[in-house]
Amino acid sequence: MENNKKELNNSFYIENYGCQMNVSDSEIVISILFKNGFFLSKNLKEANIILFNSCSIRKKAELTLNNRLEELQYLKRKNKILFGIIGCLSKQFRDILLKKKKIDFFVNPNSYKEIPNFIKNAIIGKPYIYSNNQKNETYSDINPFYLKKITTFLSITRGCNNMCTFCVVPFTRGREISSNPYYIIEECKRLYKNGYKEITLLGQNVDSYKWNNMDFSDLLNFLAPEIPFMRIRFSTSNPHDMSDKILEVISKHSNICKHIHLPVQSGSNKILKLMNRKYTREKYISLIKKIRKIIPECSISHDIMTGFCNEEEKDHQDTIDLMNEIQYNYGYMFSYSSRPGTYAYRKLKDNVPHYVKKKRLKEIIDLQKKHSLFRMKEYVGKIQEVLIEGESKKNNQYWYGRNTQNLVIVFPKESYKIGQFTYVKITETTSATLIGKIYKDVKK
């Protein structure tokens, strides 16, 4: 669906920054714009409107976006292209971009249905004033335009109530609201009938899903039998809300993937309290042990933030010790950056020097690489079911896919196709990728 006629002012291009939730939101925005006479361009130089789906979780994400806007200003000046930002963005950064006229409009995550009006007003150089009173927008009445054709994402909760002191999400996305379970189940069934092989249920804190008397474990238990040959993943979990009931449901259904992303952020009780994480180191480790008992084959990944306010070397070593005890399959690691509007920004001091943050982060990353290699080696010689998702970036004669534990596997193409399930025997590994050969086909 492309349109190259710039004078119509109705072709748009979209770039995503940040988390999976942003990808899901972009699919909603695309659908809304299609219904209002806009066209998606595959080439940003042929579009009249460029949308940047932003992320404000870390300062680095804002710097990346700012650099991209600077890089493309020549297009804005030369071709009179409109620049719009959607998604999570701090008010401070948004106001700077608008004042400097680097962008023409901004649409927050609860106002996507109004984006055609923002664009139409920007075309005539008139700001669109929209006071959004809809605090519980789930977009359940919008059928997203899915960008991927084999696997995809579906948001089931939006916003967050946890108020971690470092996190801007409650301020940019609002408080928690869950989607109607009947919409979720019907949308997953529709995707299943249309050939999708995997769905990832999304939320800032997916375990806190609640609709009347139905919680997340109930939703999974209802959904799994409705799409028996479609894989179900979910992200992200908060350790505070992960229940035994959820673990039992994951264990019960073969099509619910055996992987849990469980952010810990820090191994220090002092830092966890300052972060308002609502669990202790001891409770977190106890939860990990419970997961491994109920779902022995489950892989576990993490988020770890280093250099938070008042973090001392002892706190850092607590995190190192926790990592050594758990030995995660993989993780996402980053250093703390203060976010305007958060409690930490207002009440705490970002007092860990940059060079110390950098040193600690390197230690954490190096240790995780060691643990990842250890965990990957456990799969050598084993046979894994893999969903073929695409061509390997390093070798076009190989496919890549993932197993139920969300680990990437590459193997020779032979006569197989994207979207097929197959069995692969693992013959070797790196710290990030399993390598194998076809064992036998699985018809699903």
Protein backbone atom coordinates (compact mmCIF):
# COMPACT_ATOMS: atom_id res chain seq x y z
CA MET A 1 0.00 0.00 0.00
CA GLU A 2 2.21 2.78 -1.24
CA ASN A 3 1.58 6.17 -2.73
CA ASN A 4 4.38 8.21 -4.23
CA LYS A 5 2.36 11.37 -5.03
CA LYS A 6 3.75 13.84 -2.51
CA GLU A 7 1.20 16.51 -3.32
CA LEU A 8 -1.55 14.41 -1.75
CA ASN A 9 0.14 14.75 1.67
CA ASN A 10 -1.09 11.30 2.68
CA SER A 11 1.84 8.87 2.44
CA PHE A 12 3.64 8.04 5.66
CA TYR A 13 6.68 6.15 6.85
CA ILE A 14 7.22 4.89 10.41
CA GLU A 15 10.35 4.13 12.41
CA ASN A 16 10.28 2.24 15.70
CA TYR A 17 12.50 2.84 18.71
CA GLY A 18 12.40 0.98 22.00
CA CYS A 19 10.39 -2.00 23.16
CA GLN A 20 8.04 -4.55 21.61
CA MET A 21 5.12 -2.48 22.88
CA ASN A 22 6.13 0.26 20.44
CA VAL A 23 6.05 -2.18 17.53
CA SER A 24 2.54 -3.22 18.58
CA ASP A 25 1.48 0.43 18.88
CA SER A 26 2.84 1.18 15.40
CA GLU A 27 0.63 -1.56 13.99
CA ILE A 28 -2.38 0.11 15.64
CA VAL A 29 -1.40 3.54 14.28
CA ILE A 30 -0.93 2.14 10.75
CA SER A 31 -4.42 0.64 10.87
CA ILE A 32 -5.95 3.94 12.04
CA LEU A 33 -4.21 5.87 9.28
CA PHE A 34 -5.25 3.37 6.60
CA LYS A 35 -8.88 3.85 7.59
CA ASN A 36 -8.45 7.60 7.23
CA GLY A 37 -7.07 7.57 3.68
CA PHE A 38 -3.33 7.51 4.38
CA PHE A 39 -0.85 5.19 2.66
CA LEU A 40 2.19 3.40 4.03
CA SER A 41 5.44 4.01 2.12
CA LYS A 42 8.36 1.57 2.24
CA ASN A 43 10.78 4.40 1.56
CA LEU A 44 11.05 7.39 3.89
CA LYS A 45 12.23 9.63 1.01
CA GLU A 46 8.96 8.98 -0.79
CA ALA A 47 6.74 9.76 2.20
CA ASN A 48 5.06 13.05 3.12
CA ILE A 49 4.89 12.20 6.81
CA ILE A 50 7.57 10.48 8.87
CA LEU A 51 6.48 9.11 12.23
CA PHE A 52 9.00 8.25 14.92
CA ASN A 53 7.67 5.83 17.53
CA SER A 54 9.75 6.96 20.47
CA CYS A 55 11.05 5.54 23.72
CA SER A 56 11.80 7.47 26.91
CA ILE A 57 12.90 4.64 29.19
CA ARG A 58 16.57 5.65 28.98
CA LYS A 59 18.37 8.83 28.04
CA LYS A 60 20.30 6.95 25.35
CA ALA A 61 17.03 6.28 23.49
CA GLU A 62 16.25 10.01 23.44
CA LEU A 63 19.75 10.82 22.20
CA THR A 64 19.37 8.23 19.43
CA LEU A 65 16.06 9.79 18.38
CA ASN A 66 17.48 13.31 18.51
CA ASN A 67 20.42 12.30 16.32
CA ARG A 68 18.04 10.69 13.83
CA LEU A 69 15.92 13.85 13.69
CA GLU A 70 19.06 15.92 13.05
CA GLU A 71 20.14 13.50 10.33
CA LEU A 72 16.82 13.84 8.50
CA GLN A 73 16.27 17.59 8.87
CA TYR A 74 17.47 18.09 5.29
CA LEU A 75 14.44 16.12 4.08
CA LYS A 76 12.15 18.24 6.20
CA ARG A 77 13.56 21.47 4.78
CA LYS A 78 13.89 20.29 1.17
CA ASN A 79 10.65 18.38 0.69
CA LYS A 80 8.48 20.01 3.37
CA ILE A 81 7.93 16.63 5.02
CA LEU A 82 6.03 16.52 8.31
CA PHE A 83 7.79 14.95 11.28
CA GLY A 84 5.64 13.50 14.04
CA ILE A 85 6.51 11.64 17.21
CA ILE A 86 4.26 9.04 18.79
CA GLY A 87 4.77 6.88 21.86
CA CYS A 88 6.64 7.45 25.12
CA LEU A 89 8.44 10.75 25.41
CA SER A 90 9.21 12.93 28.42
CA LYS A 91 7.38 16.25 28.45
CA GLN A 92 10.69 18.09 28.76
CA PHE A 93 12.20 16.51 25.64
CA ARG A 94 8.95 16.81 23.68
CA ASP A 95 8.68 20.54 24.43
CA ILE A 96 12.29 21.12 23.32
CA LEU A 97 11.70 19.35 19.99
CA LEU A 98 8.48 21.28 19.34
CA LYS A 99 10.05 24.62 20.29
CA LYS A 100 13.02 24.03 17.97
CA LYS A 101 10.59 22.89 15.25
CA LYS A 102 12.40 19.61 14.80
CA ILE A 103 8.97 17.98 14.86
CA ASP A 104 5.53 19.20 13.83
CA PHE A 105 3.36 17.26 16.27
CA PHE A 106 3.42 14.75 19.10
CA VAL A 107 0.75 12.12 19.88
CA ASN A 108 0.78 10.31 23.21
CA PRO A 109 -0.07 6.57 23.54
CA ASN A 110 -3.65 7.24 24.66
CA SER A 111 -4.46 9.53 21.72
CA TYR A 112 -3.65 7.47 18.62
CA LYS A 113 -7.23 7.61 17.33
CA GLU A 114 -6.74 11.35 16.91
CA ILE A 115 -3.57 11.11 14.84
CA PRO A 116 -5.33 11.94 11.52
CA ASN A 117 -6.40 15.25 13.07
CA PHE A 118 -2.89 16.00 14.32
CA ILE A 119 -1.57 15.42 10.79
CA LYS A 120 -4.29 17.42 9.02
CA ASN A 121 -3.73 20.40 11.31
CA ALA A 122 0.05 20.18 10.92
CA ILE A 123 -0.37 20.32 7.12
CA ILE A 124 -1.98 23.75 7.41
CA GLY A 125 0.45 24.85 10.12
CA LYS A 126 -2.13 24.89 12.88
CA PRO A 127 -1.54 23.05 16.18
CA TYR A 128 -4.17 20.48 17.03
CA ILE A 129 -5.34 20.95 20.60
CA TYR A 130 -6.66 17.69 21.98
CA SER A 131 -7.41 17.19 25.65
CA ASN A 132 -7.43 13.44 26.13
CA ASN A 133 -9.75 12.33 28.90
CA GLN A 134 -9.67 8.69 27.85
CA LYS A 135 -7.51 7.16 30.56
CA ASN A 136 -8.41 3.56 29.78
CA GLU A 137 -7.80 3.29 26.04
CA THR A 138 -6.99 -0.30 25.05
CA TYR A 139 -7.60 -0.03 21.25
CA SER A 140 -9.56 -3.28 21.42
CA ASP A 141 -11.79 -1.97 18.62
CA ILE A 142 -8.82 -1.59 16.25
CA ASN A 143 -7.57 -4.50 14.15
CA PRO A 144 -3.81 -3.85 13.95
CA PHE A 145 -1.98 -3.96 10.65
CA TYR A 146 0.55 -6.65 11.52
CA LEU A 147 4.01 -5.95 10.13
CA LYS A 148 5.25 -9.52 10.51
CA LYS A 149 3.55 -12.53 8.93
CA ILE A 150 4.64 -15.51 11.05
CA THR A 151 5.06 -14.16 14.56
CA THR A 152 3.54 -11.02 16.04
CA PHE A 153 2.72 -9.07 19.20
CA LEU A 154 -0.61 -8.32 20.88
CA SER A 155 -0.92 -5.82 23.73
CA ILE A 156 -3.18 -7.11 26.49
CA THR A 157 -2.39 -4.49 29.14
CA ARG A 158 -1.31 -0.89 28.85
CA GLY A 159 0.30 1.38 31.42
CA CYS A 160 1.67 0.46 34.83
CA ASN A 161 0.75 0.91 38.50
CA ASN A 162 4.01 -0.15 40.11
CA MET A 163 5.68 3.27 40.23
CA CYS A 164 9.28 2.09 40.24
CA THR A 165 11.26 5.18 41.18
CA PHE A 166 13.44 5.08 38.02
CA CYS A 167 10.65 4.48 35.49
CA VAL A 168 8.80 7.03 33.38
CA VAL A 169 6.17 4.60 31.98
CA PRO A 170 3.36 5.49 34.44
CA PHE A 171 3.78 9.13 33.38
CA THR A 172 3.98 8.52 29.62
CA ARG A 173 1.54 5.62 29.26
CA GLY A 174 -0.69 6.12 32.28
CA ARG A 175 -2.04 3.67 34.81
CA GLU A 176 -2.75 0.02 34.14
CA ILE A 177 -5.71 -1.08 32.05
CA SER A 178 -6.42 -4.55 30.67
CA SER A 179 -8.08 -5.54 27.40
CA ASN A 180 -11.28 -7.56 27.21
CA PRO A 181 -10.33 -11.27 27.27
CA TYR A 182 -12.88 -12.10 24.57
CA TYR A 183 -11.20 -9.61 22.23
CA ILE A 184 -7.79 -11.15 23.00
CA ILE A 185 -8.97 -14.71 22.41
CA GLU A 186 -10.84 -13.85 19.20
CA GLU A 187 -7.90 -11.85 17.83
CA CYS A 188 -5.50 -14.73 18.54
CA LYS A 189 -7.89 -17.18 16.86
CA ARG A 190 -8.13 -14.87 13.83
CA LEU A 191 -4.34 -14.69 13.60
CA TYR A 192 -4.13 -18.47 13.94
CA LYS A 193 -6.58 -18.95 11.06
CA ASN A 194 -4.57 -16.49 8.97
CA GLY A 195 -1.39 -18.53 9.27
CA TYR A 196 0.38 -16.96 12.21
CA LYS A 197 2.41 -19.46 14.20
CA GLU A 198 3.33 -17.47 17.31
CA ILE A 199 1.83 -14.66 19.38
CA THR A 200 3.54 -12.66 22.13
CA LEU A 201 1.14 -11.15 24.68
CA LEU A 202 2.49 -7.77 25.75
CA GLY A 203 2.21 -5.51 28.74
CA GLN A 204 4.44 -3.33 30.88
CA ASN A 205 3.52 -5.82 33.59
CA VAL A 206 1.65 -8.63 31.89
CA ASP A 207 1.23 -10.73 35.07
CA SER A 208 -1.02 -8.09 36.59
CA TYR A 209 -3.63 -8.57 33.84
CA LYS A 210 -7.12 -8.37 35.37
CA TRP A 211 -10.58 -8.34 33.83
CA ASN A 212 -13.39 -8.72 36.36
CA ASN A 213 -12.56 -12.06 38.02
CA MET A 214 -10.16 -13.22 35.30
CA ASP A 215 -6.43 -12.93 35.98
CA PHE A 216 -3.47 -13.65 33.70
CA SER A 217 -3.31 -17.34 34.57
CA ASP A 218 -7.02 -17.68 33.70
CA LEU A 219 -6.45 -15.90 30.37
CA LEU A 220 -3.58 -18.23 29.46
CA ASN A 221 -5.59 -21.27 30.51
CA PHE A 222 -8.54 -20.22 28.30
CA LEU A 223 -6.40 -19.14 25.37
CA ALA A 224 -4.01 -22.10 25.00
CA PRO A 225 -6.66 -24.71 23.99
CA GLU A 226 -8.25 -22.25 21.53
CA ILE A 227 -5.05 -22.04 19.44
CA PRO A 228 -3.49 -25.47 20.13
CA PHE A 229 -0.80 -25.35 17.44
CA MET A 230 0.14 -21.70 17.89
CA ARG A 231 2.94 -20.79 20.24
CA ILE A 232 2.12 -18.34 23.04
CA ARG A 233 4.77 -16.10 24.60
CA PHE A 234 4.39 -13.17 26.97
CA SER A 235 6.44 -10.22 28.20
CA THR A 236 7.21 -8.52 30.55
CA SER A 237 6.75 -10.02 34.01
CA ASN A 238 7.25 -8.30 37.34
CA PRO A 239 8.55 -10.70 40.02
CA HIS A 240 6.13 -9.11 42.47
CA ASP A 241 3.14 -10.39 40.47
CA MET A 242 4.37 -13.78 39.21
CA SER A 243 2.11 -16.37 40.88
CA ASP A 244 2.28 -20.14 41.37
CA LYS A 245 -0.94 -20.34 39.38
CA ILE A 246 0.73 -18.78 36.32
CA LEU A 247 3.62 -21.21 36.56
CA GLU A 248 1.26 -24.20 36.81
CA VAL A 249 -0.62 -23.06 33.68
CA ILE A 250 2.63 -22.62 31.72
CA SER A 251 3.68 -26.12 32.74
CA LYS A 252 0.29 -27.57 31.80
CA HIS A 253 0.08 -26.37 28.18
CA SER A 254 2.65 -27.46 25.60
CA ASN A 255 2.01 -24.45 23.35
CA ILE A 256 2.83 -21.89 26.07
CA CYS A 257 6.54 -21.28 25.59
CA LYS A 258 8.89 -22.26 28.36
CA HIS A 259 10.63 -18.94 28.80
CA ILE A 260 10.11 -16.21 31.38
CA HIS A 261 11.64 -12.76 31.16
CA LEU A 262 11.96 -11.73 34.81
CA PRO A 263 13.65 -8.35 35.34
CA VAL A 264 15.58 -8.18 38.61
CA GLN A 265 17.24 -4.75 38.13
CA SER A 266 19.56 -5.25 41.13
CA GLY A 267 20.75 -7.96 43.50
CA SER A 268 20.96 -5.54 46.42
CA ASN A 269 18.04 -5.21 48.84
CA LYS A 270 19.07 -1.62 49.55
CA ILE A 271 18.87 -0.70 45.86
CA LEU A 272 15.66 -2.69 45.30
CA LYS A 273 14.03 -0.69 48.10
CA LEU A 274 15.26 2.59 46.61
CA MET A 275 13.83 1.45 43.27
CA ASN A 276 10.48 0.57 44.94
CA ARG A 277 10.60 -2.89 43.37
CA LYS A 278 8.36 -4.48 46.07
CA TYR A 279 10.37 -7.68 46.43
CA THR A 280 13.62 -8.63 48.08
CA ARG A 281 16.64 -10.47 46.74
CA GLU A 282 15.60 -13.50 48.80
CA LYS A 283 12.05 -13.53 47.41
CA TYR A 284 13.38 -13.21 43.86
CA ILE A 285 15.76 -16.15 44.26
CA SER A 286 12.96 -18.19 45.85
CA LEU A 287 10.79 -17.44 42.80
CA ILE A 288 13.56 -18.59 40.45
CA LYS A 289 13.83 -21.87 42.36
CA LYS A 290 10.06 -22.32 42.13
CA ILE A 291 10.09 -21.73 38.36
CA ARG A 292 12.80 -24.33 37.89
CA LYS A 293 10.92 -26.83 40.03
CA ILE A 294 7.53 -26.39 38.31
CA ILE A 295 8.93 -25.85 34.77
CA PRO A 296 12.33 -27.60 34.73
CA GLU A 297 12.97 -26.81 31.04
CA CYS A 298 12.20 -23.08 31.43
CA SER A 299 14.79 -20.52 30.32
CA ILE A 300 15.02 -17.32 32.33
CA SER A 301 16.21 -13.91 31.14
CA HIS A 302 16.62 -10.63 33.00
CA ASP A 303 16.94 -6.87 32.98
CA ILE A 304 19.73 -5.49 35.17
CA MET A 305 20.37 -1.81 35.79
CA THR A 306 23.71 -0.77 37.20
CA GLY A 307 24.74 2.54 38.75
CA PHE A 308 21.39 3.47 40.30
CA CYS A 309 21.33 6.24 42.91
CA ASN A 310 23.50 5.51 45.96
CA GLU A 311 24.75 2.20 44.54
CA GLU A 312 27.99 1.27 46.28
CA GLU A 313 30.50 -1.42 45.37
CA LYS A 314 28.88 -3.79 47.88
CA ASP A 315 25.53 -3.38 46.10
CA HIS A 316 27.20 -4.09 42.78
CA GLN A 317 28.80 -7.24 44.20
CA ASP A 318 25.36 -8.32 45.45
CA THR A 319 24.18 -8.20 41.84
CA ILE A 320 27.24 -10.15 40.67
CA ASP A 321 26.60 -12.78 43.36
CA LEU A 322 22.94 -13.09 42.37
CA MET A 323 23.93 -13.57 38.73
CA ASN A 324 26.40 -16.27 39.72
CA GLU A 325 23.75 -18.06 41.74
CA ILE A 326 21.06 -17.98 39.03
CA GLN A 327 23.18 -18.13 35.85
CA TYR A 328 20.57 -16.67 33.50
CA ASN A 329 20.18 -17.79 29.89
CA TYR A 330 20.53 -14.20 28.67
CA GLY A 331 19.67 -10.67 29.69
CA TYR A 332 19.42 -6.97 28.91
CA MET A 333 21.92 -4.82 30.78
CA PHE A 334 22.28 -1.06 30.96
CA SER A 335 23.42 1.73 33.24
CA TYR A 336 21.00 4.05 35.01
CA SER A 337 20.08 7.37 33.47
CA SER A 338 17.88 9.82 35.32
CA ARG A 339 14.43 10.37 33.75
CA PRO A 340 12.58 13.68 34.26
CA GLY A 341 9.34 13.28 36.17
CA THR A 342 10.30 10.15 38.09
CA TYR A 343 10.69 9.96 41.86
CA ALA A 344 14.41 9.25 41.48
CA TYR A 345 14.81 12.39 39.36
CA ARG A 346 12.99 14.52 41.93
CA LYS A 347 14.14 13.02 45.24
CA LEU A 348 17.32 10.99 44.73
CA LYS A 349 20.78 11.88 43.46
CA ASP A 350 22.28 10.35 40.33
CA ASN A 351 25.56 10.16 42.23
CA VAL A 352 27.40 7.20 40.73
CA PRO A 353 30.16 8.54 38.43
CA HIS A 354 29.89 7.68 34.75
CA TYR A 355 33.21 5.84 34.70
CA VAL A 356 32.05 3.66 37.61
CA LYS A 357 28.76 2.88 35.83
CA LYS A 358 30.71 1.96 32.72
CA LYS A 359 33.08 -0.32 34.65
CA ARG A 360 30.27 -2.10 36.51
CA LEU A 361 28.22 -2.53 33.36
CA LYS A 362 31.17 -4.16 31.59
CA GLU A 363 31.60 -6.58 34.48
CA ILE A 364 27.91 -7.51 34.33
CA ILE A 365 27.93 -7.95 30.54
CA ASP A 366 31.10 -10.05 30.62
CA LEU A 367 29.67 -12.28 33.34
CA GLN A 368 26.39 -12.72 31.46
CA LYS A 369 28.28 -13.80 28.32
CA LYS A 370 29.99 -16.47 30.42
CA HIS A 371 26.68 -17.65 31.87
CA SER A 372 24.96 -17.57 28.47
CA LEU A 373 27.64 -19.80 26.97
CA PHE A 374 27.30 -22.20 29.90
CA ARG A 375 23.52 -22.40 29.42
CA MET A 376 23.78 -22.74 25.63
CA LYS A 377 26.22 -25.65 25.95
CA GLU A 378 23.49 -27.54 27.83
CA TYR A 379 21.62 -27.83 24.50
CA VAL A 380 24.47 -29.34 22.47
CA GLY A 381 23.46 -32.84 21.36
CA LYS A 382 19.78 -32.21 22.09
CA ILE A 383 16.92 -32.08 19.58
CA GLN A 384 14.92 -28.86 19.53
CA GLU A 385 11.63 -27.90 17.91
CA VAL A 386 12.18 -24.71 15.92
CA LEU A 387 9.80 -22.32 14.18
CA ILE A 388 11.55 -21.04 11.04
CA GLU A 389 11.32 -17.25 11.09
CA GLY A 390 13.74 -16.11 8.42
CA GLU A 391 17.13 -16.15 6.79
CA SER A 392 20.28 -16.04 8.91
CA LYS A 393 21.92 -12.59 8.73
CA LYS A 394 25.39 -14.14 8.55
CA ASN A 395 24.71 -16.88 5.99
CA ASN A 396 21.88 -16.82 3.44
CA GLN A 397 22.11 -20.61 3.11
CA TYR A 398 20.86 -20.97 6.68
CA TRP A 399 17.51 -20.39 8.34
CA TYR A 400 17.10 -19.01 11.82
CA GLY A 401 14.32 -19.69 14.29
CA ARG A 402 13.70 -20.04 18.01
CA ASN A 403 12.88 -22.90 20.31
CA THR A 404 10.32 -22.77 23.10
CA GLN A 405 12.99 -21.29 25.40
CA ASN A 406 13.31 -18.27 23.04
CA LEU A 407 16.87 -19.19 22.06
CA VAL A 408 17.99 -18.49 18.48
CA ILE A 409 18.94 -21.54 16.39
CA VAL A 410 20.49 -21.49 12.90
CA PHE A 411 20.66 -24.46 10.54
CA PRO A 412 21.00 -25.28 6.79
CA LYS A 413 17.90 -24.43 4.74
CA GLU A 414 17.54 -27.68 2.79
CA SER A 415 13.97 -27.74 1.40
CA TYR A 416 12.22 -26.05 4.33
CA LYS A 417 10.31 -22.75 4.30
CA ILE A 418 9.60 -19.82 6.57
CA GLY A 419 6.67 -20.61 8.88
CA GLN A 420 7.37 -24.33 9.13
CA PHE A 421 8.16 -26.15 12.35
CA THR A 422 11.05 -28.55 12.25
CA TYR A 423 13.32 -30.49 14.58
CA VAL A 424 16.96 -29.47 14.77
CA LYS A 425 19.78 -31.37 16.46
CA ILE A 426 22.19 -28.94 18.11
CA THR A 427 25.81 -29.59 17.16
CA GLU A 428 27.62 -26.48 18.42
CA THR A 429 26.99 -23.10 20.00
CA THR A 430 28.17 -19.58 20.70
CA SER A 431 27.08 -17.53 23.72
CA ALA A 432 24.17 -16.13 21.67
CA THR A 433 23.26 -18.70 19.01
CA LEU A 434 22.67 -22.45 18.82
CA ILE A 435 23.85 -24.13 15.60
CA GLY A 436 22.51 -27.41 14.30
CA LYS A 437 21.15 -29.53 11.47
CA ILE A 438 17.68 -30.76 10.54
CA TYR A 439 16.71 -33.84 12.50
CA LYS A 440 13.19 -34.42 11.19
CA ASP A 441 10.17 -32.41 10.10
CA VAL A 442 7.25 -31.66 12.35
CA LYS A 443 3.93 -30.98 10.63
CA LYS A 444 1.93 -28.41 12.51
